[in-house]
Amino acid sequence: MSKYAIPSKIFLEMGGWRQPLLMVDRIEDYKYGENGFVHVIKHVTYNEPYLLGHFPEDPIMPGVIIAEIFGQASEYLSFLTDVCDIYFERFGTELKTLRDIFARIHEPELLNIIRTRRAQVRGVLAAQNLKFKDIAYPGDTIEVVSKLAFSDPGGFKHYSVTANVGKKLISQGTIVNFRESK
């Protein structure tokens, strides 16, 4: 576990999701810039509401929920990048890693940027092209990495995504999120 985890209250303010659709338990790592990425964690618990009806005799993580984890992780990547861009614009200081963000997370200026930007941005999962190679079961920890592949002129962001349980690759492909500012 990263020692630079963002406090849960602030973490929840960064995302537009609440239970039962909050699919990211923690942001494990983040890197800003051209080769930037976000690495998130989702623990699959035995009492997840969507597991109750998905093969009740042999519950597995539904693929559509893995796609939602990909979408949320990718939105966190874009959101954190927005926050870092705004912070640099205002204060001339680069925030390049989760450690940099963690070091300033309680500054009123950064908290204001996070809250203001969250109120301005709306994003939706628009498309997916995913391959499922294996299964996640209750008790597994899914690790997702999302990297921005490109942004198109229509406001769509295309992300290269992977999901692993331990060393086992369970899914990979492309997620497309649409983002707009109010």
C-alpha atoms as a PDB file:
ATOM      1  CA  MET A   1       0.000   0.000   0.000  1.00  0.00           C
ATOM      2  CA  SER A   2       1.224   3.470  -0.860  1.00  0.00           C
ATOM      3  CA  LYS A   3       2.244   5.577   2.098  1.00  0.00           C
ATOM      4  CA  TYR A   4       0.950   8.567   0.147  1.00  0.00           C
ATOM      5  CA  ALA A   5      -2.709   7.609   0.141  1.00  0.00           C
ATOM      6  CA  ILE A   6      -5.055  10.568  -0.083  1.00  0.00           C
ATOM      7  CA  PRO A   7      -7.372  10.890   2.959  1.00  0.00           C
ATOM      8  CA  SER A   8     -10.730   9.245   2.267  1.00  0.00           C
ATOM      9  CA  LYS A   9     -12.816  12.436   2.696  1.00  0.00           C
ATOM     10  CA  ILE A  10     -10.752  14.252   0.073  1.00  0.00           C
ATOM     11  CA  PHE A  11     -10.555  11.141  -2.127  1.00  0.00           C
ATOM     12  CA  LEU A  12     -14.373  10.983  -2.205  1.00  0.00           C
ATOM     13  CA  GLU A  13     -14.552  14.683  -3.127  1.00  0.00           C
ATOM     14  CA  MET A  14     -12.349  13.985  -6.170  1.00  0.00           C
ATOM     15  CA  GLY A  15     -14.765  11.436  -7.656  1.00  0.00           C
ATOM     16  CA  GLY A  16     -18.348  11.817  -8.717  1.00  0.00           C
ATOM     17  CA  TRP A  17     -19.275   8.364  -7.384  1.00  0.00           C
ATOM     18  CA  ARG A  18     -20.753   7.095  -4.149  1.00  0.00           C
ATOM     19  CA  GLN A  19     -21.638   3.616  -2.902  1.00  0.00           C
ATOM     20  CA  PRO A  20     -22.737   1.260  -4.333  1.00  0.00           C
ATOM     21  CA  LEU A  21     -20.976   2.452  -7.517  1.00  0.00           C
ATOM     22  CA  LEU A  22     -17.690   3.573  -6.010  1.00  0.00           C
ATOM     23  CA  MET A  23     -15.361   1.101  -7.747  1.00  0.00           C
ATOM     24  CA  VAL A  24     -11.976   2.495  -6.691  1.00  0.00           C
ATOM     25  CA  ASP A  25     -10.925   1.772  -3.121  1.00  0.00           C
ATOM     26  CA  ARG A  26      -7.684   3.734  -3.312  1.00  0.00           C
ATOM     27  CA  ILE A  27      -5.322   5.461  -5.679  1.00  0.00           C
ATOM     28  CA  GLU A  28      -2.050   3.600  -5.291  1.00  0.00           C
ATOM     29  CA  ASP A  29       0.150   5.675  -7.608  1.00  0.00           C
ATOM     30  CA  TYR A  30      -0.043   8.569 -10.042  1.00  0.00           C
ATOM     31  CA  LYS A  31       2.434  10.125 -12.424  1.00  0.00           C
ATOM     32  CA  TYR A  32       1.830  13.391 -14.243  1.00  0.00           C
ATOM     33  CA  GLY A  33       2.913  14.157 -17.785  1.00  0.00           C
ATOM     34  CA  GLU A  34       3.421  12.653 -21.195  1.00  0.00           C
ATOM     35  CA  ASN A  35       3.946   9.122 -19.855  1.00  0.00           C
ATOM     36  CA  GLY A  36       1.519   9.653 -16.991  1.00  0.00           C
ATOM     37  CA  PHE A  37      -0.644   6.974 -15.459  1.00  0.00           C
ATOM     38  CA  VAL A  38      -2.837   6.165 -12.511  1.00  0.00           C
ATOM     39  CA  HIS A  39      -2.690   2.889 -10.577  1.00  0.00           C
ATOM     40  CA  VAL A  40      -5.792   2.098  -8.518  1.00  0.00           C
ATOM     41  CA  ILE A  41      -6.928  -0.732  -6.259  1.00  0.00           C
ATOM     42  CA  LYS A  42     -10.336  -2.410  -5.961  1.00  0.00           C
ATOM     43  CA  HIS A  43     -10.863  -5.112  -3.334  1.00  0.00           C
ATOM     44  CA  VAL A  44     -13.592  -7.559  -4.338  1.00  0.00           C
ATOM     45  CA  THR A  45     -15.457  -8.342  -1.123  1.00  0.00           C
ATOM     46  CA  TYR A  46     -17.861 -11.219  -0.602  1.00  0.00           C
ATOM     47  CA  ASN A  47     -20.773  -8.900   0.102  1.00  0.00           C
ATOM     48  CA  GLU A  48     -20.558  -6.688  -3.010  1.00  0.00           C
ATOM     49  CA  PRO A  49     -24.196  -6.059  -4.061  1.00  0.00           C
ATOM     50  CA  TYR A  50     -23.604  -6.990  -7.715  1.00  0.00           C
ATOM     51  CA  LEU A  51     -22.190 -10.413  -6.759  1.00  0.00           C
ATOM     52  CA  LEU A  52     -25.467 -11.563  -5.206  1.00  0.00           C
ATOM     53  CA  GLY A  53     -27.105 -12.220  -8.570  1.00  0.00           C
ATOM     54  CA  HIS A  54     -24.084 -12.872 -10.777  1.00  0.00           C
ATOM     55  CA  PHE A  55     -23.662 -16.659 -10.807  1.00  0.00           C
ATOM     56  CA  PRO A  56     -24.919 -16.970  -7.192  1.00  0.00           C
ATOM     57  CA  GLU A  57     -23.558 -20.510  -6.814  1.00  0.00           C
ATOM     58  CA  ASP A  58     -20.118 -19.465  -8.106  1.00  0.00           C
ATOM     59  CA  PRO A  59     -19.832 -15.664  -7.802  1.00  0.00           C
ATOM     60  CA  ILE A  60     -17.336 -13.869 -10.033  1.00  0.00           C
ATOM     61  CA  MET A  61     -16.655 -10.198 -10.709  1.00  0.00           C
ATOM     62  CA  PRO A  62     -18.886  -9.108 -13.621  1.00  0.00           C
ATOM     63  CA  GLY A  63     -16.992  -7.807 -16.654  1.00  0.00           C
ATOM     64  CA  VAL A  64     -19.181  -4.722 -16.784  1.00  0.00           C
ATOM     65  CA  ILE A  65     -18.033  -3.824 -13.248  1.00  0.00           C
ATOM     66  CA  ILE A  66     -14.399  -4.225 -14.310  1.00  0.00           C
ATOM     67  CA  ALA A  67     -15.190  -1.822 -17.167  1.00  0.00           C
ATOM     68  CA  GLU A  68     -16.584   0.613 -14.576  1.00  0.00           C
ATOM     69  CA  ILE A  69     -13.354   0.340 -12.554  1.00  0.00           C
ATOM     70  CA  PHE A  70     -11.465   1.186 -15.760  1.00  0.00           C
ATOM     71  CA  GLY A  71     -13.729   4.174 -16.403  1.00  0.00           C
ATOM     72  CA  GLN A  72     -13.408   5.530 -12.870  1.00  0.00           C
ATOM     73  CA  ALA A  73      -9.637   5.013 -12.782  1.00  0.00           C
ATOM     74  CA  SER A  74      -9.316   6.834 -16.091  1.00  0.00           C
ATOM     75  CA  GLU A  75     -11.420   9.730 -14.846  1.00  0.00           C
ATOM     76  CA  TYR A  76      -9.190   9.968 -11.756  1.00  0.00           C
ATOM     77  CA  LEU A  77      -6.187  10.184 -14.103  1.00  0.00           C
ATOM     78  CA  SER A  78      -7.741  13.071 -16.016  1.00  0.00           C
ATOM     79  CA  PHE A  79      -8.985  14.760 -12.849  1.00  0.00           C
ATOM     80  CA  LEU A  80      -5.616  14.601 -11.091  1.00  0.00           C
ATOM     81  CA  THR A  81      -3.962  15.915 -14.256  1.00  0.00           C
ATOM     82  CA  ASP A  82      -6.442  18.830 -14.325  1.00  0.00           C
ATOM     83  CA  VAL A  83      -5.664  19.598 -10.677  1.00  0.00           C
ATOM     84  CA  CYS A  84      -1.901  19.504 -11.314  1.00  0.00           C
ATOM     85  CA  ASP A  85      -2.275  21.772 -14.366  1.00  0.00           C
ATOM     86  CA  ILE A  86      -4.336  24.318 -12.420  1.00  0.00           C
ATOM     87  CA  TYR A  87      -1.967  24.238  -9.445  1.00  0.00           C
ATOM     88  CA  PHE A  88       1.032  24.877 -11.714  1.00  0.00           C
ATOM     89  CA  GLU A  89      -0.807  27.697 -13.501  1.00  0.00           C
ATOM     90  CA  ARG A  90      -1.613  29.446 -10.218  1.00  0.00           C
ATOM     91  CA  PHE A  91       1.485  28.793  -8.132  1.00  0.00           C
ATOM     92  CA  GLY A  92       4.267  27.842 -10.568  1.00  0.00           C
ATOM     93  CA  THR A  93       4.922  24.598  -8.678  1.00  0.00           C
ATOM     94  CA  GLU A  94       4.690  21.257 -10.464  1.00  0.00           C
ATOM     95  CA  LEU A  95       2.889  18.368  -8.814  1.00  0.00           C
ATOM     96  CA  LYS A  96       4.190  15.329 -10.704  1.00  0.00           C
ATOM     97  CA  THR A  97       3.447  12.392  -8.407  1.00  0.00           C
ATOM     98  CA  LEU A  98       1.012  11.189  -5.800  1.00  0.00           C
ATOM     99  CA  ARG A  99       3.703  12.024  -3.249  1.00  0.00           C
ATOM    100  CA  ASP A 100       3.729  15.683  -4.416  1.00  0.00           C
ATOM    101  CA  ILE A 101      -0.061  15.878  -4.142  1.00  0.00           C
ATOM    102  CA  PHE A 102      -0.021  14.183  -0.737  1.00  0.00           C
ATOM    103  CA  ALA A 103       2.520  16.716   0.552  1.00  0.00           C
ATOM    104  CA  ARG A 104       0.089  19.572  -0.199  1.00  0.00           C
ATOM    105  CA  ILE A 105      -3.290  17.880   0.164  1.00  0.00           C
ATOM    106  CA  HIS A 106      -4.255  19.854   3.270  1.00  0.00           C
ATOM    107  CA  GLU A 107      -3.364  23.258   1.793  1.00  0.00           C
ATOM    108  CA  PRO A 108      -6.548  25.308   1.421  1.00  0.00           C
ATOM    109  CA  GLU A 109      -5.445  26.354  -2.087  1.00  0.00           C
ATOM    110  CA  LEU A 110      -5.187  22.761  -3.329  1.00  0.00           C
ATOM    111  CA  LEU A 111      -8.419  21.723  -1.613  1.00  0.00           C
ATOM    112  CA  ASN A 112     -10.159  24.659  -3.283  1.00  0.00           C
ATOM    113  CA  ILE A 113      -8.815  23.607  -6.692  1.00  0.00           C
ATOM    114  CA  ILE A 114     -10.049  20.034  -6.109  1.00  0.00           C
ATOM    115  CA  ARG A 115     -13.531  21.123  -5.021  1.00  0.00           C
ATOM    116  CA  THR A 116     -13.916  23.741  -7.738  1.00  0.00           C
ATOM    117  CA  ARG A 117     -12.737  21.441 -10.517  1.00  0.00           C
ATOM    118  CA  ARG A 118     -14.997  18.592  -9.348  1.00  0.00           C
ATOM    119  CA  ALA A 119     -17.979  20.943  -9.562  1.00  0.00           C
ATOM    120  CA  GLN A 120     -16.975  21.944 -13.114  1.00  0.00           C
ATOM    121  CA  VAL A 121     -16.306  18.566 -14.754  1.00  0.00           C
ATOM    122  CA  ARG A 122     -18.712  15.892 -15.828  1.00  0.00           C
ATOM    123  CA  GLY A 123     -17.546  12.683 -17.400  1.00  0.00           C
ATOM    124  CA  VAL A 124     -19.189   9.503 -18.617  1.00  0.00           C
ATOM    125  CA  LEU A 125     -17.937   6.156 -19.827  1.00  0.00           C
ATOM    126  CA  ALA A 126     -18.628   6.393 -23.560  1.00  0.00           C
ATOM    127  CA  ALA A 127     -17.143   3.236 -25.107  1.00  0.00           C
ATOM    128  CA  GLN A 128     -14.949   0.267 -24.412  1.00  0.00           C
ATOM    129  CA  ASN A 129     -12.934  -2.268 -26.317  1.00  0.00           C
ATOM    130  CA  LEU A 130     -11.862  -4.795 -23.720  1.00  0.00           C
ATOM    131  CA  LYS A 131     -10.594  -8.336 -23.744  1.00  0.00           C
ATOM    132  CA  PHE A 132     -11.222 -10.488 -20.694  1.00  0.00           C
ATOM    133  CA  LYS A 133      -8.536 -13.105 -20.155  1.00  0.00           C
ATOM    134  CA  ASP A 134      -9.324 -14.406 -16.674  1.00  0.00           C
ATOM    135  CA  ILE A 135     -11.688 -14.013 -13.717  1.00  0.00           C
ATOM    136  CA  ALA A 136     -11.687 -12.082 -10.445  1.00  0.00           C
ATOM    137  CA  TYR A 137     -13.343 -13.729  -7.461  1.00  0.00           C
ATOM    138  CA  PRO A 138     -14.528 -12.456  -4.084  1.00  0.00           C
ATOM    139  CA  GLY A 139     -11.459 -11.960  -1.934  1.00  0.00           C
ATOM    140  CA  ASP A 140      -9.283 -10.861  -4.871  1.00  0.00           C
ATOM    141  CA  THR A 141      -7.628  -7.471  -5.182  1.00  0.00           C
ATOM    142  CA  ILE A 142      -7.831  -5.967  -8.657  1.00  0.00           C
ATOM    143  CA  GLU A 143      -5.040  -3.587  -9.640  1.00  0.00           C
ATOM    144  CA  VAL A 144      -5.850  -1.300 -12.553  1.00  0.00           C
ATOM    145  CA  VAL A 145      -3.463   0.910 -14.502  1.00  0.00           C
ATOM    146  CA  SER A 146      -4.793   3.548 -16.873  1.00  0.00           C
ATOM    147  CA  LYS A 147      -2.696   5.613 -19.295  1.00  0.00           C
ATOM    148  CA  LEU A 148      -4.002   8.296 -21.622  1.00  0.00           C
ATOM    149  CA  ALA A 149      -3.488   7.134 -25.203  1.00  0.00           C
ATOM    150  CA  PHE A 150      -4.913  10.276 -26.845  1.00  0.00           C
ATOM    151  CA  SER A 151      -7.634  12.917 -26.707  1.00  0.00           C
ATOM    152  CA  ASP A 152      -9.769  13.651 -29.734  1.00  0.00           C
ATOM    153  CA  PRO A 153     -11.261  17.031 -30.736  1.00  0.00           C
ATOM    154  CA  GLY A 154     -14.769  15.931 -29.703  1.00  0.00           C
ATOM    155  CA  GLY A 155     -13.913  15.805 -25.991  1.00  0.00           C
ATOM    156  CA  PHE A 156     -13.331  12.056 -25.860  1.00  0.00           C
ATOM    157  CA  LYS A 157     -10.300  10.711 -24.004  1.00  0.00           C
ATOM    158  CA  HIS A 158      -8.980   7.300 -24.988  1.00  0.00           C
ATOM    159  CA  TYR A 159      -7.160   5.316 -22.284  1.00  0.00           C
ATOM    160  CA  SER A 160      -5.081   2.164 -22.448  1.00  0.00           C
ATOM    161  CA  VAL A 161      -6.095   0.053 -19.443  1.00  0.00           C
ATOM    162  CA  THR A 162      -5.046  -3.182 -17.760  1.00  0.00           C
ATOM    163  CA  ALA A 163      -6.403  -5.115 -14.791  1.00  0.00           C
ATOM    164  CA  ASN A 164      -4.396  -7.650 -12.836  1.00  0.00           C
ATOM    165  CA  VAL A 165      -5.049  -9.898  -9.864  1.00  0.00           C
ATOM    166  CA  GLY A 166      -1.545 -10.417  -8.563  1.00  0.00           C
ATOM    167  CA  LYS A 167       0.590 -11.262 -11.590  1.00  0.00           C
ATOM    168  CA  LYS A 168      -2.419 -12.606 -13.504  1.00  0.00           C
ATOM    169  CA  LEU A 169      -3.707 -10.304 -16.272  1.00  0.00           C
ATOM    170  CA  ILE A 170      -7.500 -10.497 -16.216  1.00  0.00           C
ATOM    171  CA  SER A 171      -8.452  -7.760 -18.684  1.00  0.00           C
ATOM    172  CA  GLN A 172      -6.958  -5.150 -20.982  1.00  0.00           C
ATOM    173  CA  GLY A 173      -7.999  -2.825 -23.751  1.00  0.00           C
ATOM    174  CA  THR A 174      -9.266   0.676 -24.355  1.00  0.00           C
ATOM    175  CA  ILE A 175     -11.753   2.793 -22.430  1.00  0.00           C
ATOM    176  CA  VAL A 176     -13.174   5.988 -23.886  1.00  0.00           C
ATOM    177  CA  ASN A 177     -14.516   8.619 -21.498  1.00  0.00           C
ATOM    178  CA  PHE A 178     -16.347  11.758 -22.545  1.00  0.00           C
ATOM    179  CA  ARG A 179     -15.574  14.800 -20.375  1.00  0.00           C
ATOM    180  CA  GLU A 180     -17.082  18.255 -20.443  1.00  0.00           C
ATOM    181  CA  SER A 181     -16.747  21.348 -18.288  1.00  0.00           C
ATOM    182  CA  LYS A 182     -19.828  23.208 -17.063  1.00  0.00           C
END
